[in-house]
Amino acid sequence: MGSYNCIKCNRQLTHDEVAIHRKLINRNATGFFCKNCLALYLNCSVEAINERIRYFKAMGCSLFK
């Protein structure tokens, strides 16, 4: 995976941030939100995003490391 920045705030993204954007928004996306901007976009908390990341990792989703 290359280096990506948030399409809203321009912060450098982690692998998990790219993966959760792909899982929740669009698997074929080429631009991504950081967790904070994704939470604002989805009208939820950052903790809810973190919970989804933990859930998908525990389920063995191949998008997450």
N, C-alpha and C. Protein backbone atom coordinates (compact mmCIF):
# COMPACT_ATOMS: atom_id res chain seq x y z
N MET A 1 0.85 -1.18 0.00
CA MET A 1 0.00 0.00 0.00
C MET A 1 0.89 1.24 0.00
N GLY A 2 0.52 2.18 -0.82
CA GLY A 2 1.25 3.44 -0.86
C GLY A 2 0.87 4.34 0.29
N SER A 3 1.41 5.53 0.28
CA SER A 3 1.11 6.51 1.31
C SER A 3 -0.10 7.34 0.85
N TYR A 4 -1.09 7.46 1.72
CA TYR A 4 -2.30 8.21 1.41
C TYR A 4 -2.54 9.29 2.45
N ASN A 5 -3.19 10.36 2.02
CA ASN A 5 -3.60 11.43 2.92
C ASN A 5 -5.12 11.56 2.87
N CYS A 6 -5.69 12.01 3.97
CA CYS A 6 -7.14 12.23 4.06
C CYS A 6 -7.58 13.24 3.00
N ILE A 7 -8.68 12.94 2.31
CA ILE A 7 -9.18 13.83 1.27
C ILE A 7 -9.83 15.09 1.84
N LYS A 8 -10.08 15.12 3.14
CA LYS A 8 -10.69 16.30 3.75
C LYS A 8 -9.67 17.15 4.51
N CYS A 9 -8.88 16.52 5.40
CA CYS A 9 -7.97 17.29 6.26
C CYS A 9 -6.49 17.14 5.87
N ASN A 10 -6.21 16.25 4.94
CA ASN A 10 -4.87 16.03 4.40
C ASN A 10 -3.90 15.34 5.37
N ARG A 11 -4.39 14.79 6.48
CA ARG A 11 -3.53 14.07 7.41
C ARG A 11 -3.11 12.74 6.80
N GLN A 12 -1.86 12.32 7.04
CA GLN A 12 -1.40 11.03 6.54
C GLN A 12 -2.18 9.91 7.20
N LEU A 13 -2.58 8.93 6.42
CA LEU A 13 -3.45 7.86 6.90
C LEU A 13 -2.69 6.60 7.28
N THR A 14 -3.28 5.86 8.21
CA THR A 14 -2.77 4.54 8.57
C THR A 14 -3.41 3.51 7.64
N HIS A 15 -2.85 2.32 7.63
CA HIS A 15 -3.41 1.23 6.83
C HIS A 15 -4.86 0.95 7.26
N ASP A 16 -5.12 0.96 8.57
CA ASP A 16 -6.47 0.70 9.07
C ASP A 16 -7.47 1.76 8.61
N GLU A 17 -7.05 3.01 8.50
CA GLU A 17 -7.95 4.07 8.03
C GLU A 17 -8.33 3.87 6.57
N VAL A 18 -7.37 3.48 5.76
CA VAL A 18 -7.66 3.18 4.36
C VAL A 18 -8.60 1.98 4.29
N ALA A 19 -8.32 0.96 5.08
CA ALA A 19 -9.13 -0.26 5.06
C ALA A 19 -10.57 0.00 5.51
N ILE A 20 -10.76 0.77 6.57
CA ILE A 20 -12.13 1.00 7.06
C ILE A 20 -12.90 1.86 6.07
N HIS A 21 -12.25 2.80 5.41
CA HIS A 21 -12.92 3.58 4.37
C HIS A 21 -13.38 2.65 3.25
N ARG A 22 -12.49 1.75 2.83
CA ARG A 22 -12.85 0.81 1.77
C ARG A 22 -13.99 -0.11 2.21
N LYS A 23 -13.99 -0.53 3.45
CA LYS A 23 -15.02 -1.44 3.95
C LYS A 23 -16.37 -0.74 4.09
N LEU A 24 -16.37 0.49 4.59
CA LEU A 24 -17.64 1.17 4.88
C LEU A 24 -18.15 2.05 3.75
N ILE A 25 -17.27 2.55 2.90
CA ILE A 25 -17.68 3.52 1.87
C ILE A 25 -17.62 2.90 0.47
N ASN A 26 -16.44 2.46 0.06
CA ASN A 26 -16.29 1.98 -1.31
C ASN A 26 -15.00 1.16 -1.39
N ARG A 27 -15.13 -0.11 -1.67
CA ARG A 27 -13.95 -0.99 -1.71
C ARG A 27 -12.96 -0.56 -2.79
N ASN A 28 -13.43 0.08 -3.84
CA ASN A 28 -12.56 0.50 -4.94
C ASN A 28 -12.15 1.97 -4.86
N ALA A 29 -12.33 2.58 -3.71
CA ALA A 29 -12.01 4.00 -3.55
C ALA A 29 -10.53 4.26 -3.81
N THR A 30 -10.26 5.47 -4.27
CA THR A 30 -8.87 5.90 -4.46
C THR A 30 -8.54 7.10 -3.57
N GLY A 31 -9.54 7.68 -2.93
CA GLY A 31 -9.36 8.75 -1.95
C GLY A 31 -10.03 8.32 -0.66
N PHE A 32 -9.46 8.71 0.48
CA PHE A 32 -9.90 8.16 1.75
C PHE A 32 -10.00 9.24 2.83
N PHE A 33 -10.90 9.01 3.82
CA PHE A 33 -11.01 9.85 5.01
C PHE A 33 -10.17 9.25 6.14
N CYS A 34 -9.61 10.11 6.99
CA CYS A 34 -9.03 9.65 8.25
C CYS A 34 -10.20 9.25 9.16
N LYS A 35 -9.90 8.66 10.30
CA LYS A 35 -10.99 8.23 11.20
C LYS A 35 -11.84 9.40 11.67
N ASN A 36 -11.22 10.53 11.96
CA ASN A 36 -11.99 11.69 12.43
C ASN A 36 -12.95 12.19 11.36
N CYS A 37 -12.45 12.35 10.14
CA CYS A 37 -13.30 12.84 9.04
C CYS A 37 -14.34 11.80 8.63
N LEU A 38 -13.98 10.53 8.70
CA LEU A 38 -14.95 9.47 8.41
C LEU A 38 -16.08 9.47 9.43
N ALA A 39 -15.73 9.65 10.71
CA ALA A 39 -16.76 9.72 11.75
C ALA A 39 -17.70 10.90 11.50
N LEU A 40 -17.16 12.04 11.11
CA LEU A 40 -18.01 13.20 10.79
C LEU A 40 -18.89 12.89 9.59
N TYR A 41 -18.33 12.28 8.56
CA TYR A 41 -19.07 11.94 7.34
C TYR A 41 -20.22 10.97 7.64
N LEU A 42 -19.95 9.99 8.52
CA LEU A 42 -20.95 8.98 8.86
C LEU A 42 -21.82 9.38 10.05
N ASN A 43 -21.53 10.55 10.64
CA ASN A 43 -22.28 11.04 11.80
C ASN A 43 -22.25 10.02 12.95
N CYS A 44 -21.04 9.59 13.28
CA CYS A 44 -20.85 8.67 14.40
C CYS A 44 -19.58 9.07 15.14
N SER A 45 -19.26 8.35 16.19
CA SER A 45 -18.05 8.67 16.97
C SER A 45 -16.82 7.97 16.39
N VAL A 46 -15.66 8.50 16.72
CA VAL A 46 -14.40 7.85 16.35
C VAL A 46 -14.33 6.48 17.04
N GLU A 47 -14.83 6.38 18.24
CA GLU A 47 -14.84 5.09 18.94
C GLU A 47 -15.67 4.06 18.19
N ALA A 48 -16.78 4.49 17.57
CA ALA A 48 -17.58 3.56 16.76
C ALA A 48 -16.77 3.06 15.57
N ILE A 49 -15.98 3.93 14.97
CA ILE A 49 -15.10 3.53 13.86
C ILE A 49 -14.06 2.53 14.37
N ASN A 50 -13.46 2.84 15.53
CA ASN A 50 -12.47 1.93 16.12
C ASN A 50 -13.09 0.56 16.44
N GLU A 51 -14.33 0.55 16.92
CA GLU A 51 -15.02 -0.71 17.21
C GLU A 51 -15.20 -1.53 15.95
N ARG A 52 -15.57 -0.89 14.86
CA ARG A 52 -15.74 -1.57 13.56
C ARG A 52 -14.41 -2.13 13.08
N ILE A 53 -13.33 -1.38 13.25
CA ILE A 53 -12.00 -1.86 12.86
C ILE A 53 -11.66 -3.12 13.64
N ARG A 54 -11.86 -3.08 14.95
CA ARG A 54 -11.57 -4.25 15.79
C ARG A 54 -12.44 -5.44 15.37
N TYR A 55 -13.70 -5.18 15.09
CA TYR A 55 -14.63 -6.24 14.67
C TYR A 55 -14.17 -6.89 13.36
N PHE A 56 -13.87 -6.07 12.35
CA PHE A 56 -13.47 -6.61 11.06
C PHE A 56 -12.14 -7.35 11.15
N LYS A 57 -11.22 -6.87 11.98
CA LYS A 57 -9.95 -7.58 12.19
C LYS A 57 -10.21 -8.93 12.83
N ALA A 58 -11.07 -8.97 13.85
CA ALA A 58 -11.39 -10.22 14.53
C ALA A 58 -12.07 -11.22 13.60
N MET A 59 -12.83 -10.72 12.64
CA MET A 59 -13.52 -11.57 11.66
C MET A 59 -12.57 -12.05 10.56
N GLY A 60 -11.35 -11.52 10.54
CA GLY A 60 -10.37 -11.94 9.56
C GLY A 60 -10.49 -11.26 8.22
N CYS A 61 -11.12 -10.08 8.18
CA CYS A 61 -11.27 -9.33 6.93
C CYS A 61 -9.89 -9.06 6.32
N SER A 62 -9.73 -9.40 5.06
CA SER A 62 -8.42 -9.30 4.41
C SER A 62 -7.97 -7.85 4.13
N LEU A 63 -8.87 -6.88 4.31
CA LEU A 63 -8.47 -5.48 4.12
C LEU A 63 -7.60 -4.96 5.26
N PHE A 64 -7.70 -5.62 6.42
CA PHE A 64 -7.00 -5.18 7.63
C PHE A 64 -5.79 -6.06 7.90
N LYS A 65 -4.76 -5.45 8.50
CA LYS A 65 -3.56 -6.22 8.87
C LYS A 65 -3.66 -6.69 10.29
